Amino acid sequence: MYRALLCLTAFWLASGTAQANVGQFYFEFANEDKGSMTNASENIYGPDVSDGGMTASSYLSYSYPLSSYDYVTFFMDQAAYTPSRENKREETVQEGDRPFSSYFALGVNYRFRYGPYVNQIGARMVGAGKYGFGSSILNGLHNLAGKDTYHGWKDEVDDKVGGVLEYRLVGRSLGFCQMICAEVNPHTSIALGNMLNQAGVGATARIGNRLPEDFGPADFSLFSKGMHYIPFNGLTWEAYAGIEGRYVAENYFLEGDTKITGESIVDMERLQSDIQTGISIGYISYDYSALMSLVLIHRSSEFSGQQSQQLLRFGLGLQY
């Protein structure tokens, strides 16, 4: 199963001349609806492009620095997931395929540097089922576009409200910085709650011009998306490749009981992995900035019978 992911990053806010007065807005939109993305997907990955998985996702956050060593991010995140193309028009979930599901999350992340480490502590309130708004958003968009709606949302993952706590530790000591900086950043993470329970470990190798001044590599987290707050002025660039292995004890959005069928119908893979490579380049100032990034992600199958996934993500950042 292959996916094309398009991100748009917009609106940074600056006031005054002190670093602590610079805030950052971030917006991301992701789309895997093959009705509109098939041509782009086939051009990148070839004609063997299947459908399913994440159909649409949007993410909005605001990051504000507390000092040169820490910042806080408030965010709103919504995502919807659908079965494969051949099962989307069925009115109930099909054995061996993922159900219709969605989530809506409100959360906060606190990220800080301490010695050779970057720490991130996060908390989010999450709603699934009707509280995920997947049915109303996707069917509403299909109505606006004059396309058929999917009746399978009647058998989506059942309504549930809960929370997830997350902690992430990133090492920064393995590297050097001359004309070009290089780092290897090992990391570990854990997420606990009544919606998602998992633990991961991995590492990212990066090269760039100002790595010691930033807040570490891109995350692999479900809820921590986008680019980290950038605490300096001037030209910035980096290239990276990273891997994370995860043990997933629970993912309600994939294996939760559905409203009609009343049971989970997938055999979830407990061991999962992501491999991501990316580049970014930009110019940051208190008056204006622009940042462009491109990320390729290979994700292992999440349940038995699913193919591994290929994602393409493009990001564009603007500041005024």
C-alpha atoms as a PDB file:
ATOM      1  CA  MET A   1       0.000   0.000   0.000  1.00  0.00           C
ATOM      2  CA  TYR A   2       1.446   3.284  -1.063  1.00  0.00           C
ATOM      3  CA  ARG A   3       0.669   6.827   0.030  1.00  0.00           C
ATOM      4  CA  ALA A   4       1.524  10.300  -1.107  1.00  0.00           C
ATOM      5  CA  LEU A   5       1.622  12.820   1.729  1.00  0.00           C
ATOM      6  CA  LEU A   6       1.468  16.555   1.056  1.00  0.00           C
ATOM      7  CA  CYS A   7       2.292  18.990   3.846  1.00  0.00           C
ATOM      8  CA  LEU A   8       1.827  22.740   3.832  1.00  0.00           C
ATOM      9  CA  THR A   9       3.516  24.666   6.643  1.00  0.00           C
ATOM     10  CA  ALA A  10       2.459  28.240   7.128  1.00  0.00           C
ATOM     11  CA  PHE A  11       2.468  31.336   9.292  1.00  0.00           C
ATOM     12  CA  TRP A  12       5.230  32.122  11.756  1.00  0.00           C
ATOM     13  CA  LEU A  13       4.709  35.069  14.060  1.00  0.00           C
ATOM     14  CA  ALA A  14       7.432  37.500  15.155  1.00  0.00           C
ATOM     15  CA  SER A  15       7.251  40.462  17.511  1.00  0.00           C
ATOM     16  CA  GLY A  16      10.101  42.554  18.935  1.00  0.00           C
ATOM     17  CA  THR A  17      13.754  41.647  18.625  1.00  0.00           C
ATOM     18  CA  ALA A  18      14.215  39.178  21.473  1.00  0.00           C
ATOM     19  CA  GLN A  19      14.344  35.498  20.622  1.00  0.00           C
ATOM     20  CA  ALA A  20      11.782  34.650  23.311  1.00  0.00           C
ATOM     21  CA  ASN A  21       9.182  36.794  21.529  1.00  0.00           C
ATOM     22  CA  VAL A  22       9.166  34.726  18.336  1.00  0.00           C
ATOM     23  CA  GLY A  23       6.309  32.233  18.019  1.00  0.00           C
ATOM     24  CA  GLN A  24       5.620  29.663  15.322  1.00  0.00           C
ATOM     25  CA  PHE A  25       2.372  28.515  13.733  1.00  0.00           C
ATOM     26  CA  TYR A  26       2.489  25.263  11.786  1.00  0.00           C
ATOM     27  CA  PHE A  27      -0.134  23.700   9.517  1.00  0.00           C
ATOM     28  CA  GLU A  28       0.013  20.306   7.842  1.00  0.00           C
ATOM     29  CA  PHE A  29      -2.405  18.581   5.495  1.00  0.00           C
ATOM     30  CA  ALA A  30      -2.051  14.979   4.368  1.00  0.00           C
ATOM     31  CA  ASN A  31      -4.072  13.197   1.684  1.00  0.00           C
ATOM     32  CA  GLU A  32      -4.119   9.602   0.505  1.00  0.00           C
ATOM     33  CA  ASP A  33      -7.391   9.617  -1.456  1.00  0.00           C
ATOM     34  CA  LYS A  34      -6.328   7.773  -4.618  1.00  0.00           C
ATOM     35  CA  GLY A  35      -9.154   9.394  -6.553  1.00  0.00           C
ATOM     36  CA  SER A  36      -7.052  12.567  -6.628  1.00  0.00           C
ATOM     37  CA  MET A  37      -3.558  11.242  -5.900  1.00  0.00           C
ATOM     38  CA  THR A  38      -3.251   8.205  -8.207  1.00  0.00           C
ATOM     39  CA  ASN A  39      -1.344   9.963 -10.985  1.00  0.00           C
ATOM     40  CA  ALA A  40       1.163  11.506  -8.582  1.00  0.00           C
ATOM     41  CA  SER A  41       1.615   8.196  -6.738  1.00  0.00           C
ATOM     42  CA  GLU A  42       2.163   6.211  -9.928  1.00  0.00           C
ATOM     43  CA  ASN A  43       4.711   8.726 -11.217  1.00  0.00           C
ATOM     44  CA  ILE A  44       6.746   8.256  -8.034  1.00  0.00           C
ATOM     45  CA  TYR A  45       6.229   4.592  -7.168  1.00  0.00           C
ATOM     46  CA  GLY A  46       5.033   2.970 -10.419  1.00  0.00           C
ATOM     47  CA  PRO A  47       1.624   1.561 -11.403  1.00  0.00           C
ATOM     48  CA  ASP A  48       1.272  -0.894  -8.503  1.00  0.00           C
ATOM     49  CA  VAL A  49      -0.350   1.578  -6.114  1.00  0.00           C
ATOM     50  CA  SER A  50      -2.984   0.275  -3.692  1.00  0.00           C
ATOM     51  CA  ASP A  51      -5.354   2.327  -1.591  1.00  0.00           C
ATOM     52  CA  GLY A  52      -6.180   2.481   2.088  1.00  0.00           C
ATOM     53  CA  GLY A  53      -4.659   3.602   5.338  1.00  0.00           C
ATOM     54  CA  MET A  54      -4.639   7.274   6.172  1.00  0.00           C
ATOM     55  CA  THR A  55      -7.039   9.059   3.818  1.00  0.00           C
ATOM     56  CA  ALA A  56      -6.801  12.575   5.245  1.00  0.00           C
ATOM     57  CA  SER A  57      -5.060  14.326   8.117  1.00  0.00           C
ATOM     58  CA  SER A  58      -4.684  17.909   9.262  1.00  0.00           C
ATOM     59  CA  TYR A  59      -2.495  19.317  12.024  1.00  0.00           C
ATOM     60  CA  LEU A  60      -2.263  22.829  13.453  1.00  0.00           C
ATOM     61  CA  SER A  61       0.165  23.872  16.172  1.00  0.00           C
ATOM     62  CA  TYR A  62       1.612  26.927  17.870  1.00  0.00           C
ATOM     63  CA  SER A  63       5.103  26.798  19.388  1.00  0.00           C
ATOM     64  CA  TYR A  64       6.429  29.420  21.779  1.00  0.00           C
ATOM     65  CA  PRO A  65       9.975  29.527  23.193  1.00  0.00           C
ATOM     66  CA  LEU A  66      10.332  29.888  26.946  1.00  0.00           C
ATOM     67  CA  SER A  67      14.108  30.351  26.658  1.00  0.00           C
ATOM     68  CA  SER A  68      16.897  29.385  24.280  1.00  0.00           C
ATOM     69  CA  TYR A  69      16.767  25.896  25.796  1.00  0.00           C
ATOM     70  CA  ASP A  70      13.066  25.048  25.819  1.00  0.00           C
ATOM     71  CA  TYR A  71       9.745  25.701  24.131  1.00  0.00           C
ATOM     72  CA  VAL A  72       6.119  24.622  24.400  1.00  0.00           C
ATOM     73  CA  THR A  73       3.801  23.559  21.580  1.00  0.00           C
ATOM     74  CA  PHE A  74      -0.002  23.525  21.620  1.00  0.00           C
ATOM     75  CA  PHE A  75      -1.605  21.536  18.823  1.00  0.00           C
ATOM     76  CA  MET A  76      -4.814  20.256  17.263  1.00  0.00           C
ATOM     77  CA  ASP A  77      -4.679  17.073  15.187  1.00  0.00           C
ATOM     78  CA  GLN A  78      -7.309  15.193  13.173  1.00  0.00           C
ATOM     79  CA  ALA A  79      -6.863  12.102  11.021  1.00  0.00           C
ATOM     80  CA  ALA A  80      -9.128   9.607   9.260  1.00  0.00           C
ATOM     81  CA  TYR A  81      -8.348   6.053   8.165  1.00  0.00           C
ATOM     82  CA  THR A  82     -10.202   3.914   5.624  1.00  0.00           C
ATOM     83  CA  PRO A  83     -10.043   0.336   4.327  1.00  0.00           C
ATOM     84  CA  SER A  84      -8.431  -0.610   1.022  1.00  0.00           C
ATOM     85  CA  ARG A  85     -10.042   0.491  -2.240  1.00  0.00           C
ATOM     86  CA  GLU A  86     -12.027  -2.707  -2.849  1.00  0.00           C
ATOM     87  CA  ASN A  87     -13.566  -2.633   0.650  1.00  0.00           C
ATOM     88  CA  LYS A  88     -14.399   1.073   0.963  1.00  0.00           C
ATOM     89  CA  ARG A  89     -17.904   0.646  -0.444  1.00  0.00           C
ATOM     90  CA  GLU A  90     -18.865  -2.212   1.874  1.00  0.00           C
ATOM     91  CA  GLU A  91     -21.323  -1.286   4.636  1.00  0.00           C
ATOM     92  CA  THR A  92     -19.535  -3.308   7.309  1.00  0.00           C
ATOM     93  CA  VAL A  93     -15.896  -3.925   8.054  1.00  0.00           C
ATOM     94  CA  GLN A  94     -14.292  -6.775   6.097  1.00  0.00           C
ATOM     95  CA  GLU A  95     -12.232  -9.545   7.632  1.00  0.00           C
ATOM     96  CA  GLY A  96      -8.499  -8.913   7.272  1.00  0.00           C
ATOM     97  CA  ASP A  97      -8.795  -5.205   6.455  1.00  0.00           C
ATOM     98  CA  ARG A  98      -8.651  -2.153   8.675  1.00  0.00           C
ATOM     99  CA  PRO A  99     -11.937  -0.524   9.751  1.00  0.00           C
ATOM    100  CA  PHE A 100     -13.038   3.028   9.111  1.00  0.00           C
ATOM    101  CA  SER A 101     -11.658   5.068  12.008  1.00  0.00           C
ATOM    102  CA  SER A 102     -10.611   8.576  12.954  1.00  0.00           C
ATOM    103  CA  TYR A 103      -9.323  10.621  15.849  1.00  0.00           C
ATOM    104  CA  PHE A 104      -9.331  14.229  16.980  1.00  0.00           C
ATOM    105  CA  ALA A 105      -6.656  15.301  19.466  1.00  0.00           C
ATOM    106  CA  LEU A 106      -5.862  18.409  21.476  1.00  0.00           C
ATOM    107  CA  GLY A 107      -2.491  18.411  23.161  1.00  0.00           C
ATOM    108  CA  VAL A 108       0.619  20.090  24.450  1.00  0.00           C
ATOM    109  CA  ASN A 109       4.322  19.187  24.118  1.00  0.00           C
ATOM    110  CA  TYR A 110       7.135  20.573  26.238  1.00  0.00           C
ATOM    111  CA  ARG A 111      10.588  20.145  24.667  1.00  0.00           C
ATOM    112  CA  PHE A 112      13.829  21.111  26.396  1.00  0.00           C
ATOM    113  CA  ARG A 113      17.577  20.642  26.065  1.00  0.00           C
ATOM    114  CA  TYR A 114      19.543  19.447  29.074  1.00  0.00           C
ATOM    115  CA  GLY A 115      23.224  18.602  28.632  1.00  0.00           C
ATOM    116  CA  PRO A 116      23.684  16.201  25.712  1.00  0.00           C
ATOM    117  CA  TYR A 117      19.965  15.336  25.597  1.00  0.00           C
ATOM    118  CA  VAL A 118      16.694  16.687  24.255  1.00  0.00           C
ATOM    119  CA  ASN A 119      13.618  15.722  26.283  1.00  0.00           C
ATOM    120  CA  GLN A 120      10.004  15.900  25.174  1.00  0.00           C
ATOM    121  CA  ILE A 121       7.005  15.444  27.452  1.00  0.00           C
ATOM    122  CA  GLY A 122       3.552  15.452  25.892  1.00  0.00           C
ATOM    123  CA  ALA A 123      -0.084  15.069  26.907  1.00  0.00           C
ATOM    124  CA  ARG A 124      -3.072  14.879  24.600  1.00  0.00           C
ATOM    125  CA  MET A 125      -6.827  14.387  24.916  1.00  0.00           C
ATOM    126  CA  VAL A 126      -8.108  12.164  22.116  1.00  0.00           C
ATOM    127  CA  GLY A 127     -11.557  11.338  20.748  1.00  0.00           C
ATOM    128  CA  ALA A 128     -12.419   8.439  18.409  1.00  0.00           C
ATOM    129  CA  GLY A 129     -15.583   7.387  16.598  1.00  0.00           C
ATOM    130  CA  LYS A 130     -18.025  10.274  16.295  1.00  0.00           C
ATOM    131  CA  TYR A 131     -15.601  12.338  18.389  1.00  0.00           C
ATOM    132  CA  GLY A 132     -12.948  11.867  15.682  1.00  0.00           C
ATOM    133  CA  PHE A 133     -15.142  13.635  13.078  1.00  0.00           C
ATOM    134  CA  GLY A 134     -13.839  11.425  10.266  1.00  0.00           C
ATOM    135  CA  SER A 135     -17.249  10.570   8.822  1.00  0.00           C
ATOM    136  CA  SER A 136     -18.541  14.137   8.770  1.00  0.00           C
ATOM    137  CA  ILE A 137     -15.311  15.575   7.344  1.00  0.00           C
ATOM    138  CA  LEU A 138     -14.615  13.006   4.616  1.00  0.00           C
ATOM    139  CA  ASN A 139     -18.224  12.507   3.527  1.00  0.00           C
ATOM    140  CA  GLY A 140     -18.682  16.280   3.602  1.00  0.00           C
ATOM    141  CA  LEU A 141     -15.677  16.736   1.315  1.00  0.00           C
ATOM    142  CA  HIS A 142     -16.990  14.029  -1.005  1.00  0.00           C
ATOM    143  CA  ASN A 143     -20.377  15.759  -1.160  1.00  0.00           C
ATOM    144  CA  LEU A 144     -18.712  19.062  -2.062  1.00  0.00           C
ATOM    145  CA  ALA A 145     -16.716  17.335  -4.799  1.00  0.00           C
ATOM    146  CA  GLY A 146     -19.777  15.520  -6.148  1.00  0.00           C
ATOM    147  CA  LYS A 147     -18.362  12.094  -5.266  1.00  0.00           C
ATOM    148  CA  ASP A 148     -20.025   9.111  -3.617  1.00  0.00           C
ATOM    149  CA  THR A 149     -19.948   8.914   0.169  1.00  0.00           C
ATOM    150  CA  TYR A 150     -18.961   5.764   2.023  1.00  0.00           C
ATOM    151  CA  HIS A 151     -21.643   3.970   4.046  1.00  0.00           C
ATOM    152  CA  GLY A 152     -18.959   1.957   5.830  1.00  0.00           C
ATOM    153  CA  TRP A 153     -18.551   4.784   8.326  1.00  0.00           C
ATOM    154  CA  LYS A 154     -21.638   3.325  10.046  1.00  0.00           C
ATOM    155  CA  ASP A 155     -19.362   0.472  11.142  1.00  0.00           C
ATOM    156  CA  GLU A 156     -16.425   2.647  12.179  1.00  0.00           C
ATOM    157  CA  VAL A 157     -14.393   2.087  15.329  1.00  0.00           C
ATOM    158  CA  ASP A 158     -16.693   2.785  18.280  1.00  0.00           C
ATOM    159  CA  ASP A 159     -16.951   6.126  20.111  1.00  0.00           C
ATOM    160  CA  LYS A 160     -14.343   6.665  22.796  1.00  0.00           C
ATOM    161  CA  VAL A 161     -12.663   9.552  24.599  1.00  0.00           C
ATOM    162  CA  GLY A 162      -9.361   9.240  26.391  1.00  0.00           C
ATOM    163  CA  GLY A 163      -5.845  10.470  26.788  1.00  0.00           C
ATOM    164  CA  VAL A 164      -2.253   9.643  25.914  1.00  0.00           C
ATOM    165  CA  LEU A 165       0.932  10.639  27.753  1.00  0.00           C
ATOM    166  CA  GLU A 166       4.211  10.524  25.864  1.00  0.00           C
ATOM    167  CA  TYR A 167       7.891  10.876  26.713  1.00  0.00           C
ATOM    168  CA  ARG A 168      10.812  11.020  24.270  1.00  0.00           C
ATOM    169  CA  LEU A 169      14.558  11.201  24.978  1.00  0.00           C
ATOM    170  CA  VAL A 170      17.056  12.083  22.224  1.00  0.00           C
ATOM    171  CA  GLY A 171      20.844  11.913  22.572  1.00  0.00           C
ATOM    172  CA  ARG A 172      22.999  14.724  21.132  1.00  0.00           C
ATOM    173  CA  SER A 173      26.569  13.778  22.131  1.00  0.00           C
ATOM    174  CA  LEU A 174      27.619  11.696  19.097  1.00  0.00           C
ATOM    175  CA  GLY A 175      28.858  14.221  16.549  1.00  0.00           C
ATOM    176  CA  PHE A 176      31.230  16.938  15.401  1.00  0.00           C
ATOM    177  CA  CYS A 177      30.890  20.414  13.929  1.00  0.00           C
ATOM    178  CA  GLN A 178      33.456  22.118  11.706  1.00  0.00           C
ATOM    179  CA  MET A 179      32.351  23.714   8.414  1.00  0.00           C
ATOM    180  CA  ILE A 180      29.652  21.026   8.318  1.00  0.00           C
ATOM    181  CA  CYS A 181      28.072  19.483  11.399  1.00  0.00           C
ATOM    182  CA  ALA A 182      27.227  15.792  11.739  1.00  0.00           C
ATOM    183  CA  GLU A 183      25.334  13.943  14.455  1.00  0.00           C
ATOM    184  CA  VAL A 184      23.994  10.520  15.284  1.00  0.00           C
ATOM    185  CA  ASN A 185      20.955  10.895  17.535  1.00  0.00           C
ATOM    186  CA  PRO A 186      19.805   7.731  19.338  1.00  0.00           C
ATOM    187  CA  HIS A 187      16.353   8.008  20.849  1.00  0.00           C
ATOM    188  CA  THR A 188      13.799   6.153  22.888  1.00  0.00           C
ATOM    189  CA  SER A 189      10.112   6.881  23.403  1.00  0.00           C
ATOM    190  CA  ILE A 190       7.059   5.609  25.227  1.00  0.00           C
ATOM    191  CA  ALA A 191       3.341   6.405  24.908  1.00  0.00           C
ATOM    192  CA  LEU A 192       0.781   5.318  27.509  1.00  0.00           C
ATOM    193  CA  GLY A 193      -2.982   5.771  27.625  1.00  0.00           C
ATOM    194  CA  ASN A 194      -6.341   4.172  26.917  1.00  0.00           C
ATOM    195  CA  MET A 195      -5.997   4.767  23.135  1.00  0.00           C
ATOM    196  CA  LEU A 196      -2.346   4.027  22.378  1.00  0.00           C
ATOM    197  CA  ASN A 197       0.314   2.050  24.228  1.00  0.00           C
ATOM    198  CA  GLN A 198       3.699   1.591  22.595  1.00  0.00           C
ATOM    199  CA  ALA A 199       7.443   1.892  23.115  1.00  0.00           C
ATOM    200  CA  GLY A 200      10.088   2.624  20.510  1.00  0.00           C
ATOM    201  CA  VAL A 201      13.827   2.873  20.062  1.00  0.00           C
ATOM    202  CA  GLY A 202      15.857   4.105  17.116  1.00  0.00           C
ATOM    203  CA  ALA A 203      18.442   6.524  15.788  1.00  0.00           C
ATOM    204  CA  THR A 204      18.838   9.297  13.214  1.00  0.00           C
ATOM    205  CA  ALA A 205      22.018  10.348  11.380  1.00  0.00           C
ATOM    206  CA  ARG A 206      22.111  14.017  10.307  1.00  0.00           C
ATOM    207  CA  ILE A 207      24.385  16.477   8.561  1.00  0.00           C
ATOM    208  CA  GLY A 208      23.761  20.224   8.448  1.00  0.00           C
ATOM    209  CA  ASN A 209      25.198  23.631   9.185  1.00  0.00           C
ATOM    210  CA  ARG A 210      23.694  24.467  12.613  1.00  0.00           C
ATOM    211  CA  LEU A 211      22.729  21.199  14.243  1.00  0.00           C
ATOM    212  CA  PRO A 212      24.015  21.970  17.787  1.00  0.00           C
ATOM    213  CA  GLU A 213      21.633  24.940  17.991  1.00  0.00           C
ATOM    214  CA  ASP A 214      18.418  23.113  17.097  1.00  0.00           C
ATOM    215  CA  PHE A 215      16.112  20.772  19.027  1.00  0.00           C
ATOM    216  CA  GLY A 216      17.057  17.503  17.415  1.00  0.00           C
ATOM    217  CA  PRO A 217      15.795  15.367  14.539  1.00  0.00           C
ATOM    218  CA  ALA A 218      12.256  14.852  13.291  1.00  0.00           C
ATOM    219  CA  ASP A 219       9.968  12.728  15.486  1.00  0.00           C
ATOM    220  CA  PHE A 220       8.449   9.347  14.690  1.00  0.00           C
ATOM    221  CA  SER A 221       5.471   9.966  17.002  1.00  0.00           C
ATOM    222  CA  LEU A 222       1.830   9.626  15.904  1.00  0.00           C
ATOM    223  CA  PHE A 223       0.897  12.988  17.431  1.00  0.00           C
ATOM    224  CA  SER A 224       4.161  14.991  17.309  1.00  0.00           C
ATOM    225  CA  LYS A 225       4.315  16.187  13.721  1.00  0.00           C
ATOM    226  CA  GLY A 226       5.890  18.946  11.720  1.00  0.00           C
ATOM    227  CA  MET A 227       9.170  20.791  12.078  1.00  0.00           C
ATOM    228  CA  HIS A 228      10.596  21.717  15.459  1.00  0.00           C
ATOM    229  CA  TYR A 229      10.854  25.329  16.541  1.00  0.00           C
ATOM    230  CA  ILE A 230      14.025  26.939  15.081  1.00  0.00           C
ATOM    231  CA  PRO A 231      15.747  29.180  17.676  1.00  0.00           C
ATOM    232  CA  PHE A 232      18.194  31.111  15.465  1.00  0.00           C
ATOM    233  CA  ASN A 233      18.472  33.509  12.521  1.00  0.00           C
ATOM    234  CA  GLY A 234      20.181  32.849   9.204  1.00  0.00           C
ATOM    235  CA  LEU A 235      20.569  30.085   6.654  1.00  0.00           C
ATOM    236  CA  THR A 236      19.818  26.558   7.836  1.00  0.00           C
ATOM    237  CA  TRP A 237      19.982  23.206   6.065  1.00  0.00           C
ATOM    238  CA  GLU A 238      20.144  19.556   6.983  1.00  0.00           C
ATOM    239  CA  ALA A 239      19.864  16.066   5.507  1.00  0.00           C
ATOM    240  CA  TYR A 240      19.018  13.021   7.608  1.00  0.00           C
ATOM    241  CA  ALA A 241      18.109   9.345   7.655  1.00  0.00           C
ATOM    242  CA  GLY A 242      16.544   7.589  10.620  1.00  0.00           C
ATOM    243  CA  ILE A 243      14.947   4.357  11.757  1.00  0.00           C
ATOM    244  CA  GLU A 244      12.650   3.431  14.635  1.00  0.00           C
ATOM    245  CA  GLY A 245      11.409   0.051  15.802  1.00  0.00           C
ATOM    246  CA  ARG A 246       8.268  -0.063  17.950  1.00  0.00           C
ATOM    247  CA  TYR A 247       6.403  -2.550  20.073  1.00  0.00           C
ATOM    248  CA  VAL A 248       2.713  -1.635  19.885  1.00  0.00           C
ATOM    249  CA  ALA A 249       0.642  -3.109  22.700  1.00  0.00           C
ATOM    250  CA  GLU A 250      -2.542  -1.230  21.754  1.00  0.00           C
ATOM    251  CA  ASN A 251      -3.713   0.998  18.904  1.00  0.00           C
ATOM    252  CA  TYR A 252      -7.427   1.648  19.364  1.00  0.00           C
ATOM    253  CA  PHE A 253      -7.739   3.383  15.986  1.00  0.00           C
ATOM    254  CA  LEU A 254      -6.751   0.133  14.262  1.00  0.00           C
ATOM    255  CA  GLU A 255      -7.976  -2.694  16.494  1.00  0.00           C
ATOM    256  CA  GLY A 256     -10.886  -1.149  18.402  1.00  0.00           C
ATOM    257  CA  ASP A 257     -14.325  -2.787  18.275  1.00  0.00           C
ATOM    258  CA  THR A 258     -16.592  -1.437  15.536  1.00  0.00           C
ATOM    259  CA  LYS A 259     -20.154  -0.146  15.932  1.00  0.00           C
ATOM    260  CA  ILE A 260     -22.007  -2.825  13.932  1.00  0.00           C
ATOM    261  CA  THR A 261     -19.691  -5.814  13.717  1.00  0.00           C
ATOM    262  CA  GLY A 262     -18.795  -5.281  17.357  1.00  0.00           C
ATOM    263  CA  GLU A 263     -15.319  -6.750  17.299  1.00  0.00           C
ATOM    264  CA  SER A 264     -11.797  -6.177  16.080  1.00  0.00           C
ATOM    265  CA  ILE A 265     -11.176  -7.907  12.751  1.00  0.00           C
ATOM    266  CA  VAL A 266      -7.443  -7.306  12.201  1.00  0.00           C
ATOM    267  CA  ASP A 267      -4.458  -9.216  13.497  1.00  0.00           C
ATOM    268  CA  MET A 268      -2.212  -6.302  14.433  1.00  0.00           C
ATOM    269  CA  GLU A 269       1.537  -6.610  14.012  1.00  0.00           C
ATOM    270  CA  ARG A 270       3.019  -5.867  17.428  1.00  0.00           C
ATOM    271  CA  LEU A 271       6.482  -5.118  16.021  1.00  0.00           C
ATOM    272  CA  GLN A 272       6.465  -2.211  13.570  1.00  0.00           C
ATOM    273  CA  SER A 273       9.095   0.080  12.079  1.00  0.00           C
ATOM    274  CA  ASP A 274       9.612   3.332  10.197  1.00  0.00           C
ATOM    275  CA  ILE A 275      12.554   4.359   8.021  1.00  0.00           C
ATOM    276  CA  GLN A 276      12.637   8.005   7.002  1.00  0.00           C
ATOM    277  CA  THR A 277      15.049  10.131   4.980  1.00  0.00           C
ATOM    278  CA  GLY A 278      14.698  13.853   4.496  1.00  0.00           C
ATOM    279  CA  ILE A 279      16.240  17.166   3.552  1.00  0.00           C
ATOM    280  CA  SER A 280      15.356  20.722   4.552  1.00  0.00           C
ATOM    281  CA  ILE A 281      16.706  24.148   3.689  1.00  0.00           C
ATOM    282  CA  GLY A 282      15.588  27.598   4.721  1.00  0.00           C
ATOM    283  CA  TYR A 283      16.374  31.100   5.852  1.00  0.00           C
ATOM    284  CA  ILE A 284      15.097  32.202   9.248  1.00  0.00           C
ATOM    285  CA  SER A 285      14.832  35.797  10.482  1.00  0.00           C
ATOM    286  CA  TYR A 286      12.625  37.851  12.800  1.00  0.00           C
ATOM    287  CA  ASP A 287      11.159  39.703   9.805  1.00  0.00           C
ATOM    288  CA  TYR A 288      10.536  36.815   7.416  1.00  0.00           C
ATOM    289  CA  SER A 289      11.612  33.271   6.679  1.00  0.00           C
ATOM    290  CA  ALA A 290      11.074  30.387   4.299  1.00  0.00           C
ATOM    291  CA  LEU A 291      11.798  26.725   4.870  1.00  0.00           C
ATOM    292  CA  MET A 292      11.315  23.797   2.497  1.00  0.00           C
ATOM    293  CA  SER A 293      11.550  20.113   3.391  1.00  0.00           C
ATOM    294  CA  LEU A 294      11.124  16.784   1.629  1.00  0.00           C
ATOM    295  CA  VAL A 295      10.747  13.491   3.507  1.00  0.00           C
ATOM    296  CA  LEU A 296      10.463   9.910   2.228  1.00  0.00           C
ATOM    297  CA  ILE A 297       9.094   7.340   4.688  1.00  0.00           C
ATOM    298  CA  HIS A 298       8.962   3.552   4.477  1.00  0.00           C
ATOM    299  CA  ARG A 299       6.572   2.073   7.060  1.00  0.00           C
ATOM    300  CA  SER A 300       6.219  -1.616   7.786  1.00  0.00           C
ATOM    301  CA  SER A 301       2.813  -3.296   7.751  1.00  0.00           C
ATOM    302  CA  GLU A 302       0.609  -2.502  10.745  1.00  0.00           C
ATOM    303  CA  PHE A 303      -1.506  -5.660  10.529  1.00  0.00           C
ATOM    304  CA  SER A 304      -1.353  -9.100   8.941  1.00  0.00           C
ATOM    305  CA  GLY A 305      -2.028  -8.984   5.201  1.00  0.00           C
ATOM    306  CA  GLN A 306      -1.225  -5.300   4.779  1.00  0.00           C
ATOM    307  CA  GLN A 307       1.606  -4.261   2.486  1.00  0.00           C
ATOM    308  CA  SER A 308       4.380  -1.999   3.717  1.00  0.00           C
ATOM    309  CA  GLN A 309       3.711   1.667   3.012  1.00  0.00           C
ATOM    310  CA  GLN A 310       5.652   4.332   1.124  1.00  0.00           C
ATOM    311  CA  LEU A 311       4.966   7.961   2.050  1.00  0.00           C
ATOM    312  CA  LEU A 312       6.148  11.163   0.421  1.00  0.00           C
ATOM    313  CA  ARG A 313       5.969  14.381   2.429  1.00  0.00           C
ATOM    314  CA  PHE A 314       6.687  17.889   1.221  1.00  0.00           C
ATOM    315  CA  GLY A 315       6.743  20.841   3.613  1.00  0.00           C
ATOM    316  CA  LEU A 316       6.855  24.585   3.048  1.00  0.00           C
ATOM    317  CA  GLY A 317       7.342  27.068   5.876  1.00  0.00           C
ATOM    318  CA  LEU A 318       6.722  30.823   5.859  1.00  0.00           C
ATOM    319  CA  GLN A 319       7.274  33.500   8.502  1.00  0.00           C
ATOM    320  CA  TYR A 320       6.286  37.133   8.748  1.00  0.00           C
END
